Amino acid sequence: MPSLAKLGFLSIILVALTAAAANPIQARPQSKNTPLAPVPPQILTAKTVFISNAGMDVNPAGTSSEYDGGANRFYNEFYAAMKSWGRFAPVPGPADADLVFEIRFTDPTGPVNSEGGKQGAPGAQKFRLVILDPKTHIKLWALTEFVDAAILQGNRNKNFDKAMDALVSDAKILAAQPTATSPTAP
């Protein structure tokens, strides 16, 4: 039989755990005055980019035929968009580049979620762009855009294009950030 001291201690622990469960810690809301974290300067000053095709992760059903344009459509469209943008000059190899843009299309293994492929849900198809420093191989930034599910082929193609446009737009916004200034002492 446990001693009264042990029972008292266990009661305190139980009360504390119950109180914690009833009042979960809430995230502090971000202030409107919170300064933006800096974008790595390599992204802001780069002139050349090597665009790397990191491949297509396909579910066991092999859905690469869900979209027109074949298995490399995502790479070809992203490459063409970067080239036409003109902000970064594509180069043939990573040794010649200021940055490496690694693009991947993922069609996850397993079934599409029960909500019919709701954007951002587990099982959703997505584009992932990882921006790397070619000298250090450090990931500087990553961007993800989800492809909305659709039943009809034409709508799937439209959703693919919409997500690709959003990814390119994300890259443009990132590269257009103002350069960070050194903080001043209070």
N, C-alpha and C. Protein backbone atom coordinates (compact mmCIF):
# COMPACT_ATOMS: atom_id res chain seq x y z
N MET A 1 0.85 -1.17 0.00
CA MET A 1 0.00 0.00 0.00
C MET A 1 0.90 1.25 0.00
N PRO A 2 0.65 2.21 -0.94
CA PRO A 2 1.47 3.41 -1.01
C PRO A 2 1.28 4.29 0.22
N SER A 3 2.36 5.00 0.58
CA SER A 3 2.29 5.89 1.74
C SER A 3 1.47 7.13 1.39
N LEU A 4 1.04 7.83 2.44
CA LEU A 4 0.25 9.05 2.23
C LEU A 4 1.07 10.10 1.48
N ALA A 5 2.38 10.17 1.72
CA ALA A 5 3.24 11.14 1.04
C ALA A 5 3.26 10.87 -0.46
N LYS A 6 3.35 9.57 -0.82
CA LYS A 6 3.37 9.21 -2.25
C LYS A 6 2.03 9.51 -2.88
N LEU A 7 0.94 9.24 -2.16
CA LEU A 7 -0.40 9.53 -2.69
C LEU A 7 -0.58 11.03 -2.88
N GLY A 8 -0.08 11.82 -1.94
CA GLY A 8 -0.17 13.28 -2.06
C GLY A 8 0.60 13.78 -3.27
N PHE A 9 1.80 13.25 -3.47
CA PHE A 9 2.62 13.64 -4.62
C PHE A 9 1.94 13.25 -5.93
N LEU A 10 1.41 12.03 -5.98
CA LEU A 10 0.71 11.58 -7.19
C LEU A 10 -0.53 12.42 -7.45
N SER A 11 -1.22 12.83 -6.41
CA SER A 11 -2.39 13.69 -6.58
C SER A 11 -2.00 15.03 -7.18
N ILE A 12 -0.89 15.59 -6.71
CA ILE A 12 -0.42 16.87 -7.26
C ILE A 12 -0.08 16.72 -8.74
N ILE A 13 0.61 15.65 -9.08
CA ILE A 13 0.97 15.39 -10.49
C ILE A 13 -0.30 15.25 -11.32
N LEU A 14 -1.28 14.50 -10.84
CA LEU A 14 -2.53 14.28 -11.55
C LEU A 14 -3.28 15.59 -11.76
N VAL A 15 -3.33 16.42 -10.75
CA VAL A 15 -4.00 17.72 -10.86
C VAL A 15 -3.26 18.59 -11.88
N ALA A 16 -1.95 18.60 -11.85
CA ALA A 16 -1.16 19.41 -12.79
C ALA A 16 -1.37 18.94 -14.23
N LEU A 17 -1.37 17.63 -14.44
CA LEU A 17 -1.59 17.10 -15.79
C LEU A 17 -3.00 17.41 -16.28
N THR A 18 -3.98 17.31 -15.40
CA THR A 18 -5.35 17.61 -15.78
C THR A 18 -5.48 19.09 -16.14
N ALA A 19 -4.86 19.96 -15.38
CA ALA A 19 -4.91 21.40 -15.66
C ALA A 19 -4.22 21.70 -16.99
N ALA A 20 -3.11 21.03 -17.25
CA ALA A 20 -2.39 21.26 -18.51
C ALA A 20 -3.22 20.80 -19.70
N ALA A 21 -3.92 19.69 -19.55
CA ALA A 21 -4.75 19.19 -20.64
C ALA A 21 -5.95 20.10 -20.87
N ALA A 22 -6.48 20.68 -19.81
CA ALA A 22 -7.64 21.55 -19.93
C ALA A 22 -7.27 22.91 -20.51
N ASN A 23 -6.04 23.35 -20.27
CA ASN A 23 -5.58 24.66 -20.75
C ASN A 23 -4.30 24.48 -21.57
N PRO A 24 -4.42 24.05 -22.82
CA PRO A 24 -3.21 23.82 -23.60
C PRO A 24 -2.46 25.12 -23.85
N ILE A 25 -1.16 24.98 -23.99
CA ILE A 25 -0.32 26.14 -24.29
C ILE A 25 -0.66 26.59 -25.70
N GLN A 26 -0.92 27.86 -25.84
CA GLN A 26 -1.26 28.39 -27.15
C GLN A 26 -0.06 29.12 -27.72
N ALA A 27 0.07 29.03 -29.03
CA ALA A 27 1.17 29.72 -29.70
C ALA A 27 0.97 31.22 -29.56
N ARG A 28 2.05 31.91 -29.34
CA ARG A 28 1.98 33.36 -29.24
C ARG A 28 1.67 33.94 -30.60
N PRO A 29 0.65 34.77 -30.71
CA PRO A 29 0.34 35.33 -32.03
C PRO A 29 1.49 36.21 -32.50
N GLN A 30 1.75 36.15 -33.80
CA GLN A 30 2.84 36.93 -34.36
C GLN A 30 2.43 38.39 -34.42
N SER A 31 3.28 39.22 -33.91
CA SER A 31 3.03 40.65 -33.89
C SER A 31 3.11 41.21 -35.31
N LYS A 32 2.33 42.24 -35.56
CA LYS A 32 2.40 42.91 -36.86
C LYS A 32 3.75 43.57 -37.05
N ASN A 33 4.45 43.81 -35.95
CA ASN A 33 5.75 44.48 -36.01
C ASN A 33 6.92 43.52 -36.03
N THR A 34 6.66 42.21 -36.13
CA THR A 34 7.74 41.24 -36.16
C THR A 34 8.54 41.43 -37.44
N PRO A 35 9.84 41.65 -37.31
CA PRO A 35 10.65 41.84 -38.53
C PRO A 35 10.75 40.53 -39.33
N LEU A 36 10.87 40.69 -40.62
CA LEU A 36 11.03 39.53 -41.49
C LEU A 36 12.41 38.93 -41.29
N ALA A 37 12.47 37.62 -41.25
CA ALA A 37 13.76 36.94 -41.18
C ALA A 37 14.46 37.13 -42.52
N PRO A 38 15.77 37.21 -42.52
CA PRO A 38 16.47 37.49 -43.77
C PRO A 38 16.45 36.31 -44.74
N VAL A 39 16.39 36.63 -46.01
CA VAL A 39 16.56 35.65 -47.08
C VAL A 39 18.07 35.52 -47.28
N PRO A 40 18.58 34.29 -47.42
CA PRO A 40 20.02 34.15 -47.63
C PRO A 40 20.50 35.02 -48.80
N PRO A 41 21.59 35.74 -48.60
CA PRO A 41 22.06 36.67 -49.63
C PRO A 41 22.39 35.99 -50.96
N GLN A 42 22.75 34.71 -50.92
CA GLN A 42 23.05 34.01 -52.17
C GLN A 42 21.83 34.04 -53.11
N ILE A 43 20.63 33.93 -52.55
CA ILE A 43 19.41 33.94 -53.36
C ILE A 43 19.19 35.32 -53.96
N LEU A 44 19.48 36.34 -53.21
CA LEU A 44 19.22 37.70 -53.66
C LEU A 44 20.25 38.21 -54.66
N THR A 45 21.47 37.69 -54.61
CA THR A 45 22.53 38.20 -55.48
C THR A 45 22.86 37.27 -56.65
N ALA A 46 22.30 36.10 -56.68
CA ALA A 46 22.63 35.11 -57.72
C ALA A 46 22.27 35.62 -59.11
N LYS A 47 23.09 35.26 -60.06
CA LYS A 47 22.85 35.60 -61.47
C LYS A 47 22.60 34.34 -62.30
N THR A 48 23.20 33.22 -61.89
CA THR A 48 23.08 31.98 -62.67
C THR A 48 22.48 30.88 -61.81
N VAL A 49 21.81 29.94 -62.47
CA VAL A 49 21.18 28.84 -61.75
C VAL A 49 21.29 27.56 -62.57
N PHE A 50 21.56 26.48 -61.88
CA PHE A 50 21.48 25.15 -62.49
C PHE A 50 20.16 24.55 -62.03
N ILE A 51 19.34 24.11 -62.96
CA ILE A 51 18.04 23.53 -62.62
C ILE A 51 18.18 22.02 -62.67
N SER A 52 18.01 21.41 -61.51
CA SER A 52 18.20 19.98 -61.33
C SER A 52 16.85 19.27 -61.31
N ASN A 53 16.72 18.22 -62.10
CA ASN A 53 15.51 17.41 -62.11
C ASN A 53 15.68 16.33 -61.04
N ALA A 54 15.04 16.53 -59.88
CA ALA A 54 15.15 15.58 -58.77
C ALA A 54 14.19 14.41 -58.95
N GLY A 55 13.46 14.40 -60.03
CA GLY A 55 12.62 13.26 -60.34
C GLY A 55 11.18 13.40 -59.92
N MET A 56 10.49 12.33 -60.19
CA MET A 56 9.06 12.26 -59.91
C MET A 56 8.81 11.06 -59.03
N ASP A 57 8.30 11.30 -57.84
CA ASP A 57 7.93 10.20 -56.96
C ASP A 57 6.49 9.83 -57.31
N VAL A 58 6.31 8.60 -57.76
CA VAL A 58 5.01 8.16 -58.26
C VAL A 58 4.43 7.09 -57.35
N ASN A 59 3.10 7.15 -57.16
CA ASN A 59 2.47 6.11 -56.35
C ASN A 59 2.47 4.78 -57.11
N PRO A 60 2.17 3.68 -56.44
CA PRO A 60 2.26 2.37 -57.08
C PRO A 60 1.36 2.21 -58.31
N ALA A 61 0.33 3.03 -58.42
CA ALA A 61 -0.55 2.94 -59.60
C ALA A 61 0.11 3.55 -60.83
N GLY A 62 1.20 4.27 -60.64
CA GLY A 62 1.92 4.86 -61.76
C GLY A 62 1.11 5.92 -62.47
N THR A 63 0.74 6.99 -61.76
CA THR A 63 -0.18 7.97 -62.30
C THR A 63 0.46 9.04 -63.18
N SER A 64 1.65 8.81 -63.68
CA SER A 64 2.28 9.84 -64.51
C SER A 64 1.44 10.15 -65.74
N SER A 65 0.52 9.26 -66.12
CA SER A 65 -0.34 9.51 -67.27
C SER A 65 -1.55 10.35 -66.90
N GLU A 66 -1.67 10.75 -65.61
CA GLU A 66 -2.79 11.60 -65.20
C GLU A 66 -2.71 12.96 -65.88
N TYR A 67 -1.53 13.36 -66.30
CA TYR A 67 -1.31 14.67 -66.90
C TYR A 67 -0.73 14.50 -68.29
N ASP A 68 -1.09 15.42 -69.18
CA ASP A 68 -0.48 15.42 -70.51
C ASP A 68 0.97 15.88 -70.38
N GLY A 69 1.82 15.48 -71.29
CA GLY A 69 3.18 15.99 -71.32
C GLY A 69 4.24 15.04 -70.83
N GLY A 70 3.87 13.89 -70.33
CA GLY A 70 4.85 12.89 -69.92
C GLY A 70 5.45 13.12 -68.55
N ALA A 71 6.37 12.23 -68.21
CA ALA A 71 6.95 12.19 -66.86
C ALA A 71 7.83 13.40 -66.54
N ASN A 72 8.35 14.09 -67.53
CA ASN A 72 9.22 15.24 -67.26
C ASN A 72 8.53 16.57 -67.49
N ARG A 73 7.20 16.55 -67.57
CA ARG A 73 6.46 17.80 -67.81
C ARG A 73 6.80 18.84 -66.74
N PHE A 74 6.83 18.45 -65.49
CA PHE A 74 7.08 19.40 -64.40
C PHE A 74 8.44 20.07 -64.56
N TYR A 75 9.45 19.28 -64.94
CA TYR A 75 10.80 19.82 -65.12
C TYR A 75 10.86 20.75 -66.33
N ASN A 76 10.29 20.29 -67.45
CA ASN A 76 10.31 21.09 -68.67
C ASN A 76 9.59 22.43 -68.48
N GLU A 77 8.43 22.41 -67.82
CA GLU A 77 7.68 23.65 -67.61
C GLU A 77 8.40 24.58 -66.65
N PHE A 78 8.97 24.03 -65.59
CA PHE A 78 9.69 24.87 -64.64
C PHE A 78 10.92 25.49 -65.30
N TYR A 79 11.67 24.70 -66.06
CA TYR A 79 12.85 25.19 -66.76
C TYR A 79 12.47 26.32 -67.71
N ALA A 80 11.42 26.11 -68.49
CA ALA A 80 10.96 27.13 -69.45
C ALA A 80 10.53 28.40 -68.72
N ALA A 81 9.85 28.26 -67.59
CA ALA A 81 9.40 29.44 -66.83
C ALA A 81 10.59 30.21 -66.28
N MET A 82 11.58 29.52 -65.77
CA MET A 82 12.78 30.19 -65.23
C MET A 82 13.54 30.90 -66.34
N LYS A 83 13.63 30.25 -67.48
CA LYS A 83 14.36 30.84 -68.61
C LYS A 83 13.64 32.09 -69.13
N SER A 84 12.32 32.03 -69.24
CA SER A 84 11.57 33.18 -69.76
C SER A 84 11.52 34.32 -68.74
N TRP A 85 11.59 34.03 -67.46
CA TRP A 85 11.60 35.06 -66.42
C TRP A 85 12.83 35.94 -66.60
N GLY A 86 13.98 35.33 -66.83
CA GLY A 86 15.20 36.08 -67.10
C GLY A 86 15.96 36.57 -65.88
N ARG A 87 15.45 36.34 -64.69
CA ARG A 87 16.15 36.78 -63.46
C ARG A 87 17.44 36.00 -63.26
N PHE A 88 17.40 34.70 -63.52
CA PHE A 88 18.57 33.84 -63.41
C PHE A 88 18.87 33.24 -64.78
N ALA A 89 20.13 33.23 -65.17
CA ALA A 89 20.52 32.60 -66.43
C ALA A 89 20.78 31.12 -66.16
N PRO A 90 20.03 30.22 -66.80
CA PRO A 90 20.29 28.78 -66.61
C PRO A 90 21.66 28.41 -67.18
N VAL A 91 22.39 27.58 -66.44
CA VAL A 91 23.70 27.11 -66.89
C VAL A 91 23.68 25.59 -66.96
N PRO A 92 24.58 24.99 -67.77
CA PRO A 92 24.52 23.54 -68.00
C PRO A 92 24.98 22.67 -66.84
N GLY A 93 25.70 23.22 -65.87
CA GLY A 93 26.19 22.39 -64.77
C GLY A 93 26.23 23.15 -63.46
N PRO A 94 26.15 22.44 -62.34
CA PRO A 94 26.14 23.11 -61.03
C PRO A 94 27.43 23.86 -60.71
N ALA A 95 28.56 23.44 -61.27
CA ALA A 95 29.83 24.12 -60.99
C ALA A 95 29.84 25.54 -61.56
N ASP A 96 28.99 25.79 -62.57
CA ASP A 96 28.92 27.11 -63.20
C ASP A 96 27.85 28.00 -62.58
N ALA A 97 27.12 27.50 -61.59
CA ALA A 97 25.94 28.20 -61.07
C ALA A 97 26.18 28.86 -59.73
N ASP A 98 25.45 29.95 -59.52
CA ASP A 98 25.43 30.60 -58.22
C ASP A 98 24.47 29.87 -57.28
N LEU A 99 23.43 29.25 -57.84
CA LEU A 99 22.44 28.49 -57.09
C LEU A 99 22.07 27.23 -57.84
N VAL A 100 21.57 26.24 -57.12
CA VAL A 100 20.97 25.06 -57.73
C VAL A 100 19.50 25.06 -57.33
N PHE A 101 18.63 24.97 -58.33
CA PHE A 101 17.19 24.81 -58.10
C PHE A 101 16.86 23.35 -58.35
N GLU A 102 16.54 22.64 -57.29
CA GLU A 102 16.20 21.22 -57.40
C GLU A 102 14.68 21.10 -57.38
N ILE A 103 14.11 20.67 -58.52
CA ILE A 103 12.65 20.57 -58.64
C ILE A 103 12.23 19.10 -58.62
N ARG A 104 11.15 18.82 -57.90
CA ARG A 104 10.63 17.46 -57.77
C ARG A 104 9.10 17.51 -57.82
N PHE A 105 8.52 16.49 -58.44
CA PHE A 105 7.06 16.33 -58.41
C PHE A 105 6.77 15.06 -57.63
N THR A 106 5.87 15.17 -56.66
CA THR A 106 5.55 14.03 -55.82
C THR A 106 4.08 13.66 -55.94
N ASP A 107 3.86 12.41 -56.26
CA ASP A 107 2.54 11.80 -56.25
C ASP A 107 2.67 10.68 -55.23
N PRO A 108 2.36 10.97 -53.95
CA PRO A 108 2.70 10.06 -52.86
C PRO A 108 2.14 8.65 -53.01
N THR A 109 2.85 7.74 -52.37
CA THR A 109 2.36 6.37 -52.33
C THR A 109 1.12 6.31 -51.47
N GLY A 110 0.29 5.36 -51.75
CA GLY A 110 -0.93 5.20 -50.95
C GLY A 110 -2.10 5.93 -51.57
N PRO A 111 -3.26 5.75 -50.97
CA PRO A 111 -4.48 6.32 -51.54
C PRO A 111 -4.56 7.83 -51.34
N VAL A 112 -5.34 8.46 -52.20
CA VAL A 112 -5.64 9.87 -52.04
C VAL A 112 -6.55 9.99 -50.83
N ASN A 113 -6.48 11.08 -50.13
CA ASN A 113 -7.26 11.22 -48.90
C ASN A 113 -8.76 11.11 -49.15
N SER A 114 -9.49 10.85 -48.08
CA SER A 114 -10.92 10.61 -48.18
C SER A 114 -11.72 11.85 -48.55
N GLU A 115 -11.11 13.04 -48.42
CA GLU A 115 -11.81 14.27 -48.80
C GLU A 115 -11.67 14.56 -50.29
N GLY A 116 -11.21 13.61 -51.06
CA GLY A 116 -11.11 13.80 -52.50
C GLY A 116 -9.89 14.59 -52.93
N GLY A 117 -8.81 14.51 -52.15
CA GLY A 117 -7.57 15.17 -52.56
C GLY A 117 -7.52 16.62 -52.17
N LYS A 118 -8.17 16.99 -51.07
CA LYS A 118 -8.18 18.36 -50.60
C LYS A 118 -6.75 18.91 -50.56
N GLN A 119 -6.58 20.14 -51.02
CA GLN A 119 -5.26 20.75 -51.11
C GLN A 119 -4.50 20.66 -49.79
N GLY A 120 -3.26 20.21 -49.88
CA GLY A 120 -2.39 20.14 -48.73
C GLY A 120 -2.61 18.93 -47.84
N ALA A 121 -3.56 18.08 -48.18
CA ALA A 121 -3.86 16.92 -47.35
C ALA A 121 -2.87 15.80 -47.64
N PRO A 122 -2.70 14.87 -46.69
CA PRO A 122 -1.85 13.72 -46.97
C PRO A 122 -2.32 13.02 -48.23
N GLY A 123 -1.42 12.64 -49.07
CA GLY A 123 -1.78 11.98 -50.31
C GLY A 123 -1.89 12.94 -51.48
N ALA A 124 -1.75 14.26 -51.21
CA ALA A 124 -1.87 15.25 -52.27
C ALA A 124 -0.61 15.29 -53.12
N GLN A 125 -0.80 15.57 -54.39
CA GLN A 125 0.35 15.73 -55.29
C GLN A 125 0.92 17.12 -55.07
N LYS A 126 2.25 17.23 -55.24
CA LYS A 126 2.87 18.52 -54.98
C LYS A 126 4.16 18.69 -55.76
N PHE A 127 4.52 19.97 -55.93
CA PHE A 127 5.81 20.36 -56.45
C PHE A 127 6.66 20.80 -55.27
N ARG A 128 7.93 20.46 -55.31
CA ARG A 128 8.85 20.88 -54.26
C ARG A 128 10.09 21.45 -54.93
N LEU A 129 10.40 22.69 -54.60
CA LEU A 129 11.60 23.35 -55.11
C LEU A 129 12.52 23.58 -53.93
N VAL A 130 13.71 23.01 -54.00
CA VAL A 130 14.73 23.21 -52.98
C VAL A 130 15.85 24.03 -53.63
N ILE A 131 16.21 25.12 -52.96
CA ILE A 131 17.27 25.99 -53.45
C ILE A 131 18.53 25.69 -52.64
N LEU A 132 19.59 25.30 -53.37
CA LEU A 132 20.84 24.87 -52.74
C LEU A 132 21.99 25.78 -53.12
N ASP A 133 22.93 25.89 -52.20
CA ASP A 133 24.20 26.56 -52.48
C ASP A 133 25.10 25.50 -53.12
N PRO A 134 25.52 25.66 -54.37
CA PRO A 134 26.31 24.63 -55.04
C PRO A 134 27.71 24.42 -54.43
N LYS A 135 28.21 25.39 -53.71
CA LYS A 135 29.54 25.26 -53.12
C LYS A 135 29.50 24.45 -51.82
N THR A 136 28.48 24.69 -50.99
CA THR A 136 28.40 24.02 -49.69
C THR A 136 27.38 22.89 -49.66
N HIS A 137 26.50 22.84 -50.65
CA HIS A 137 25.42 21.86 -50.74
C HIS A 137 24.39 22.04 -49.62
N ILE A 138 24.35 23.22 -49.03
CA ILE A 138 23.40 23.54 -47.97
C ILE A 138 22.09 23.98 -48.61
N LYS A 139 20.98 23.48 -48.06
CA LYS A 139 19.66 23.94 -48.50
C LYS A 139 19.46 25.34 -47.97
N LEU A 140 19.25 26.27 -48.87
CA LEU A 140 19.04 27.66 -48.47
C LEU A 140 17.56 27.97 -48.25
N TRP A 141 16.71 27.32 -49.04
CA TRP A 141 15.28 27.61 -48.97
C TRP A 141 14.53 26.46 -49.63
N ALA A 142 13.27 26.31 -49.30
CA ALA A 142 12.43 25.31 -49.95
C ALA A 142 11.03 25.87 -50.12
N LEU A 143 10.42 25.56 -51.25
CA LEU A 143 9.06 26.01 -51.55
C LEU A 143 8.24 24.79 -51.97
N THR A 144 6.98 24.74 -51.57
CA THR A 144 6.09 23.64 -51.92
C THR A 144 4.77 24.19 -52.39
N GLU A 145 4.24 23.63 -53.46
CA GLU A 145 2.89 23.96 -53.94
C GLU A 145 2.15 22.66 -54.22
N PHE A 146 0.92 22.59 -53.75
CA PHE A 146 0.09 21.40 -53.92
C PHE A 146 -0.75 21.51 -55.18
N VAL A 147 -0.97 20.36 -55.83
CA VAL A 147 -1.80 20.27 -57.02
C VAL A 147 -3.18 19.78 -56.59
N ASP A 148 -4.20 20.59 -56.82
CA ASP A 148 -5.56 20.19 -56.46
C ASP A 148 -5.97 18.97 -57.29
N ALA A 149 -6.69 18.07 -56.65
CA ALA A 149 -7.18 16.87 -57.33
C ALA A 149 -8.33 17.24 -58.27
N ALA A 150 -8.48 16.47 -59.31
CA ALA A 150 -9.59 16.66 -60.26
C ALA A 150 -9.89 15.33 -60.92
N ILE A 151 -11.11 15.16 -61.34
CA ILE A 151 -11.53 13.91 -61.99
C ILE A 151 -11.25 13.96 -63.49
N LEU A 152 -11.60 15.06 -64.14
CA LEU A 152 -11.45 15.17 -65.59
C LEU A 152 -10.01 15.54 -65.97
N GLN A 153 -9.54 14.95 -67.06
CA GLN A 153 -8.17 15.18 -67.54
C GLN A 153 -7.87 16.66 -67.75
N GLY A 154 -8.78 17.36 -68.38
CA GLY A 154 -8.56 18.79 -68.64
C GLY A 154 -8.41 19.58 -67.35
N ASN A 155 -9.21 19.26 -66.34
CA ASN A 155 -9.11 19.94 -65.05
C ASN A 155 -7.82 19.56 -64.32
N ARG A 156 -7.39 18.30 -64.45
CA ARG A 156 -6.12 17.91 -63.85
C ARG A 156 -4.98 18.71 -64.46
N ASN A 157 -4.99 18.87 -65.78
CA ASN A 157 -3.95 19.65 -66.45
C ASN A 157 -3.99 21.11 -66.01
N LYS A 158 -5.19 21.68 -65.87
CA LYS A 158 -5.31 23.07 -65.41
C LYS A 158 -4.77 23.22 -64.00
N ASN A 159 -5.08 22.26 -63.13
CA ASN A 159 -4.61 22.32 -61.75
C ASN A 159 -3.09 22.17 -61.67
N PHE A 160 -2.54 21.32 -62.54
CA PHE A 160 -1.09 21.15 -62.64
C PHE A 160 -0.45 22.49 -63.00
N ASP A 161 -0.99 23.14 -64.05
CA ASP A 161 -0.45 24.43 -64.49
C ASP A 161 -0.61 25.50 -63.42
N LYS A 162 -1.74 25.49 -62.72
CA LYS A 162 -1.99 26.47 -61.66
C LYS A 162 -0.95 26.32 -60.53
N ALA A 163 -0.67 25.09 -60.13
CA ALA A 163 0.32 24.86 -59.08
C ALA A 163 1.72 25.23 -59.55
N MET A 164 2.04 24.92 -60.80
CA MET A 164 3.34 25.30 -61.34
C MET A 164 3.49 26.81 -61.38
N ASP A 165 2.45 27.51 -61.81
CA ASP A 165 2.49 28.98 -61.83
C ASP A 165 2.69 29.53 -60.42
N ALA A 166 2.04 28.92 -59.45
CA ALA A 166 2.18 29.37 -58.06
C ALA A 166 3.61 29.16 -57.55
N LEU A 167 4.22 28.03 -57.92
CA LEU A 167 5.60 27.76 -57.52
C LEU A 167 6.56 28.78 -58.13
N VAL A 168 6.38 29.07 -59.40
CA VAL A 168 7.23 30.07 -60.07
C VAL A 168 7.01 31.43 -59.42
N SER A 169 5.78 31.76 -59.10
CA SER A 169 5.47 33.03 -58.44
C SER A 169 6.14 33.10 -57.06
N ASP A 170 6.10 31.98 -56.32
CA ASP A 170 6.78 31.93 -55.01
C ASP A 170 8.27 32.22 -55.17
N ALA A 171 8.89 31.65 -56.18
CA ALA A 171 10.33 31.87 -56.42
C ALA A 171 10.60 33.33 -56.76
N LYS A 172 9.71 33.93 -57.56
CA LYS A 172 9.88 35.33 -57.93
C LYS A 172 9.76 36.24 -56.71
N ILE A 173 8.79 35.96 -55.86
CA ILE A 173 8.60 36.76 -54.65
C ILE A 173 9.82 36.63 -53.73
N LEU A 174 10.31 35.42 -53.59
CA LEU A 174 11.48 35.18 -52.75
C LEU A 174 12.70 35.95 -53.25
N ALA A 175 12.94 35.87 -54.55
CA ALA A 175 14.13 36.51 -55.14
C ALA A 175 14.02 38.03 -55.15
N ALA A 176 12.81 38.57 -54.97
CA ALA A 176 12.61 40.02 -55.00
C ALA A 176 12.61 40.65 -53.61
N GLN A 177 12.90 39.86 -52.57
CA GLN A 177 12.91 40.39 -51.20
C GLN A 177 13.99 41.47 -51.10
N PRO A 178 13.72 42.47 -50.28
CA PRO A 178 14.77 43.48 -50.08
C PRO A 178 15.95 42.87 -49.34
N THR A 179 17.12 43.38 -49.62
CA THR A 179 18.30 42.85 -48.93
C THR A 179 18.23 43.24 -47.46
N ALA A 180 18.70 42.33 -46.63
CA ALA A 180 18.66 42.57 -45.19
C ALA A 180 19.67 43.64 -44.80
N THR A 181 19.26 44.50 -43.90
CA THR A 181 20.19 45.49 -43.38
C THR A 181 20.62 45.03 -42.00
N SER A 182 21.77 45.43 -41.61
CA SER A 182 22.24 45.00 -40.28
C SER A 182 21.42 45.73 -39.22
N PRO A 183 21.03 44.98 -38.17
CA PRO A 183 20.22 45.59 -37.14
C PRO A 183 21.00 46.67 -36.39
N THR A 184 20.27 47.66 -35.95
CA THR A 184 20.92 48.73 -35.20
C THR A 184 20.78 48.44 -33.71
N ALA A 185 21.74 48.89 -32.97
CA ALA A 185 21.72 48.67 -31.52
C ALA A 185 20.67 49.59 -30.90
N PRO A 186 20.00 49.13 -29.83
CA PRO A 186 19.00 49.99 -29.18
C PRO A 186 19.62 51.14 -28.45
